[in-house]
N, C-alpha and C. Protein backbone atom coordinates (compact mmCIF):
# COMPACT_ATOMS: atom_id res chain seq x y z
N MET A 1 -114.44 101.15 19.81
CA MET A 1 -115.01 100.86 18.53
C MET A 1 -115.87 99.62 18.67
N THR A 2 -116.99 99.61 18.05
CA THR A 2 -117.88 98.46 18.04
C THR A 2 -118.03 97.98 16.61
N LEU A 3 -117.84 96.69 16.42
CA LEU A 3 -117.99 96.09 15.09
C LEU A 3 -118.96 94.93 15.16
N GLN A 4 -119.72 94.73 14.11
CA GLN A 4 -120.56 93.55 13.98
C GLN A 4 -120.06 92.78 12.77
N VAL A 5 -119.54 91.58 13.01
CA VAL A 5 -118.99 90.77 11.93
C VAL A 5 -119.51 89.34 12.05
N ALA A 6 -119.53 88.64 10.91
CA ALA A 6 -119.96 87.24 10.91
C ALA A 6 -118.84 86.34 11.44
N ASP A 7 -117.59 86.71 11.16
CA ASP A 7 -116.44 85.91 11.58
C ASP A 7 -115.35 86.88 12.02
N THR A 8 -114.59 86.51 13.03
CA THR A 8 -113.58 87.42 13.57
C THR A 8 -112.20 87.24 12.96
N LEU A 9 -112.02 86.36 12.00
CA LEU A 9 -110.70 86.10 11.44
C LEU A 9 -110.00 87.37 10.97
N GLU A 10 -110.63 88.13 10.11
CA GLU A 10 -110.01 89.35 9.59
C GLU A 10 -109.80 90.39 10.68
N VAL A 11 -110.75 90.47 11.62
CA VAL A 11 -110.62 91.42 12.73
C VAL A 11 -109.41 91.04 13.59
N ARG A 12 -109.25 89.74 13.86
CA ARG A 12 -108.10 89.29 14.65
C ARG A 12 -106.80 89.65 13.96
N ARG A 13 -106.72 89.41 12.65
CA ARG A 13 -105.50 89.75 11.91
C ARG A 13 -105.23 91.25 11.97
N TRP A 14 -106.26 92.03 11.82
CA TRP A 14 -106.13 93.49 11.86
C TRP A 14 -105.63 93.92 13.24
N LEU A 15 -106.26 93.39 14.28
CA LEU A 15 -105.86 93.75 15.64
C LEU A 15 -104.44 93.33 15.96
N LEU A 16 -104.04 92.15 15.51
CA LEU A 16 -102.66 91.69 15.76
C LEU A 16 -101.65 92.61 15.10
N GLY A 17 -102.04 93.27 14.04
CA GLY A 17 -101.16 94.22 13.37
C GLY A 17 -100.81 95.41 14.24
N PHE A 18 -101.64 95.71 15.22
CA PHE A 18 -101.36 96.81 16.14
C PHE A 18 -100.42 96.40 17.27
N GLY A 19 -100.17 95.09 17.41
CA GLY A 19 -99.29 94.62 18.47
C GLY A 19 -99.83 95.00 19.84
N ILE A 20 -98.93 95.52 20.68
CA ILE A 20 -99.33 95.85 22.05
C ILE A 20 -100.07 97.18 22.15
N ASP A 21 -100.27 97.85 21.03
CA ASP A 21 -100.96 99.14 21.06
C ASP A 21 -102.48 99.02 20.98
N ALA A 22 -103.00 97.78 20.98
CA ALA A 22 -104.44 97.58 20.95
C ALA A 22 -104.83 96.60 22.05
N GLU A 23 -105.99 96.81 22.62
CA GLU A 23 -106.51 95.89 23.64
C GLU A 23 -107.98 95.63 23.35
N VAL A 24 -108.33 94.36 23.34
CA VAL A 24 -109.73 93.97 23.17
C VAL A 24 -110.35 93.86 24.55
N ILE A 25 -111.41 94.61 24.75
CA ILE A 25 -112.12 94.59 26.03
C ILE A 25 -113.23 93.53 26.00
N ALA A 26 -113.95 93.48 24.92
CA ALA A 26 -115.04 92.52 24.77
C ALA A 26 -115.23 92.25 23.29
N PRO A 27 -115.73 91.14 22.92
CA PRO A 27 -116.19 90.04 23.74
C PRO A 27 -115.01 89.22 24.29
N THR A 28 -115.25 88.53 25.36
CA THR A 28 -114.23 87.72 26.00
C THR A 28 -113.69 86.67 25.04
N SER A 29 -114.55 86.11 24.20
CA SER A 29 -114.11 85.07 23.27
C SER A 29 -113.05 85.60 22.30
N LEU A 30 -113.20 86.83 21.84
CA LEU A 30 -112.20 87.43 20.95
C LEU A 30 -110.92 87.70 21.71
N ARG A 31 -111.04 88.22 22.91
CA ARG A 31 -109.86 88.48 23.75
C ARG A 31 -109.09 87.19 23.99
N GLU A 32 -109.80 86.10 24.30
CA GLU A 32 -109.16 84.81 24.55
C GLU A 32 -108.53 84.24 23.28
N ALA A 33 -109.19 84.41 22.14
CA ALA A 33 -108.63 83.92 20.87
C ALA A 33 -107.31 84.63 20.56
N LEU A 34 -107.27 85.93 20.78
CA LEU A 34 -106.04 86.69 20.55
C LEU A 34 -104.95 86.27 21.54
N HIS A 35 -105.35 85.99 22.76
CA HIS A 35 -104.39 85.52 23.77
C HIS A 35 -103.78 84.19 23.34
N ARG A 36 -104.60 83.26 22.86
CA ARG A 36 -104.09 81.96 22.39
C ARG A 36 -103.12 82.14 21.22
N GLN A 37 -103.48 83.01 20.28
CA GLN A 37 -102.61 83.24 19.13
C GLN A 37 -101.29 83.86 19.56
N ALA A 38 -101.33 84.80 20.47
CA ALA A 38 -100.10 85.44 20.95
C ALA A 38 -99.23 84.44 21.69
N ALA A 39 -99.84 83.56 22.48
CA ALA A 39 -99.07 82.54 23.21
C ALA A 39 -98.42 81.57 22.24
N GLU A 40 -99.15 81.16 21.22
CA GLU A 40 -98.58 80.24 20.22
C GLU A 40 -97.44 80.89 19.46
N LEU A 41 -97.61 82.15 19.10
CA LEU A 41 -96.56 82.88 18.40
C LEU A 41 -95.31 82.98 19.28
N SER A 42 -95.51 83.24 20.56
CA SER A 42 -94.39 83.32 21.50
C SER A 42 -93.65 81.99 21.58
N ARG A 43 -94.40 80.89 21.67
CA ARG A 43 -93.77 79.55 21.71
C ARG A 43 -93.00 79.29 20.42
N MET A 44 -93.60 79.64 19.30
CA MET A 44 -92.98 79.37 18.00
C MET A 44 -91.67 80.16 17.86
N LEU A 45 -91.69 81.42 18.27
CA LEU A 45 -90.50 82.25 18.14
C LEU A 45 -89.43 81.92 19.17
N ALA A 46 -89.80 81.31 20.28
CA ALA A 46 -88.83 80.96 21.32
C ALA A 46 -88.01 79.73 20.95
N ALA A 47 -88.57 78.85 20.12
CA ALA A 47 -87.87 77.62 19.74
C ALA A 47 -86.74 77.94 18.77
N PRO A 48 -85.57 77.32 19.00
CA PRO A 48 -84.47 77.54 18.05
C PRO A 48 -84.82 76.94 16.69
N ARG A 49 -84.37 77.59 15.64
CA ARG A 49 -84.66 77.12 14.28
C ARG A 49 -83.38 76.67 13.61
N LYS A 50 -83.52 75.65 12.77
CA LYS A 50 -82.39 75.21 11.97
C LYS A 50 -82.28 76.14 10.77
N PRO A 51 -81.06 76.45 10.35
CA PRO A 51 -80.92 77.27 9.14
C PRO A 51 -81.45 76.51 7.94
N PRO A 52 -81.97 77.19 6.94
CA PRO A 52 -82.50 76.50 5.76
C PRO A 52 -81.39 75.77 5.04
N ALA A 53 -81.75 74.63 4.45
CA ALA A 53 -80.77 73.84 3.70
C ALA A 53 -80.40 74.59 2.42
N ARG A 54 -79.16 74.49 2.04
CA ARG A 54 -78.73 75.12 0.79
C ARG A 54 -79.10 74.23 -0.37
N MET A 55 -79.54 74.83 -1.44
CA MET A 55 -79.91 74.09 -2.63
C MET A 55 -78.65 73.71 -3.41
N GLY A 56 -78.57 72.46 -3.81
CA GLY A 56 -77.46 72.01 -4.64
C GLY A 56 -77.65 72.47 -6.08
N ALA A 57 -76.61 72.33 -6.89
CA ALA A 57 -76.65 72.78 -8.30
C ALA A 57 -77.76 72.08 -9.07
N ARG A 58 -77.94 70.78 -8.83
CA ARG A 58 -78.98 70.04 -9.54
C ARG A 58 -80.36 70.61 -9.23
N HIS A 59 -80.62 70.95 -7.98
CA HIS A 59 -81.91 71.51 -7.60
C HIS A 59 -82.10 72.92 -8.15
N ARG A 60 -81.02 73.70 -8.22
CA ARG A 60 -81.13 75.05 -8.78
C ARG A 60 -81.50 74.98 -10.25
N ARG A 61 -80.88 74.06 -11.00
CA ARG A 61 -81.20 73.91 -12.43
C ARG A 61 -82.66 73.47 -12.61
N ALA A 62 -83.11 72.55 -11.79
CA ALA A 62 -84.48 72.06 -11.90
C ALA A 62 -85.47 73.18 -11.58
N ALA A 63 -85.16 73.99 -10.57
CA ALA A 63 -86.05 75.09 -10.20
C ALA A 63 -86.07 76.15 -11.29
N ALA A 64 -84.93 76.40 -11.92
CA ALA A 64 -84.85 77.42 -12.96
C ALA A 64 -85.59 76.99 -14.23
N SER A 65 -85.62 75.69 -14.50
CA SER A 65 -86.27 75.23 -15.72
C SER A 65 -87.77 75.12 -15.56
N GLY A 66 -88.22 75.20 -14.30
CA GLY A 66 -89.54 75.36 -13.99
C GLY A 66 -90.67 74.58 -14.09
């Protein structure tokens, strides 16, 4: 498929939605941008995460009153 776009942001998001079932052949800049995003995602998911803090009663009331 060949596309002509002013910016690749939406195309990158669309392509990432296909996961490993899509491969960008050209341009090299788009291929490299997707590679950087995939590497960053891998680093982010590899790091252990702290569980979210539980909201206290006072914070629940404040959130509910809006």
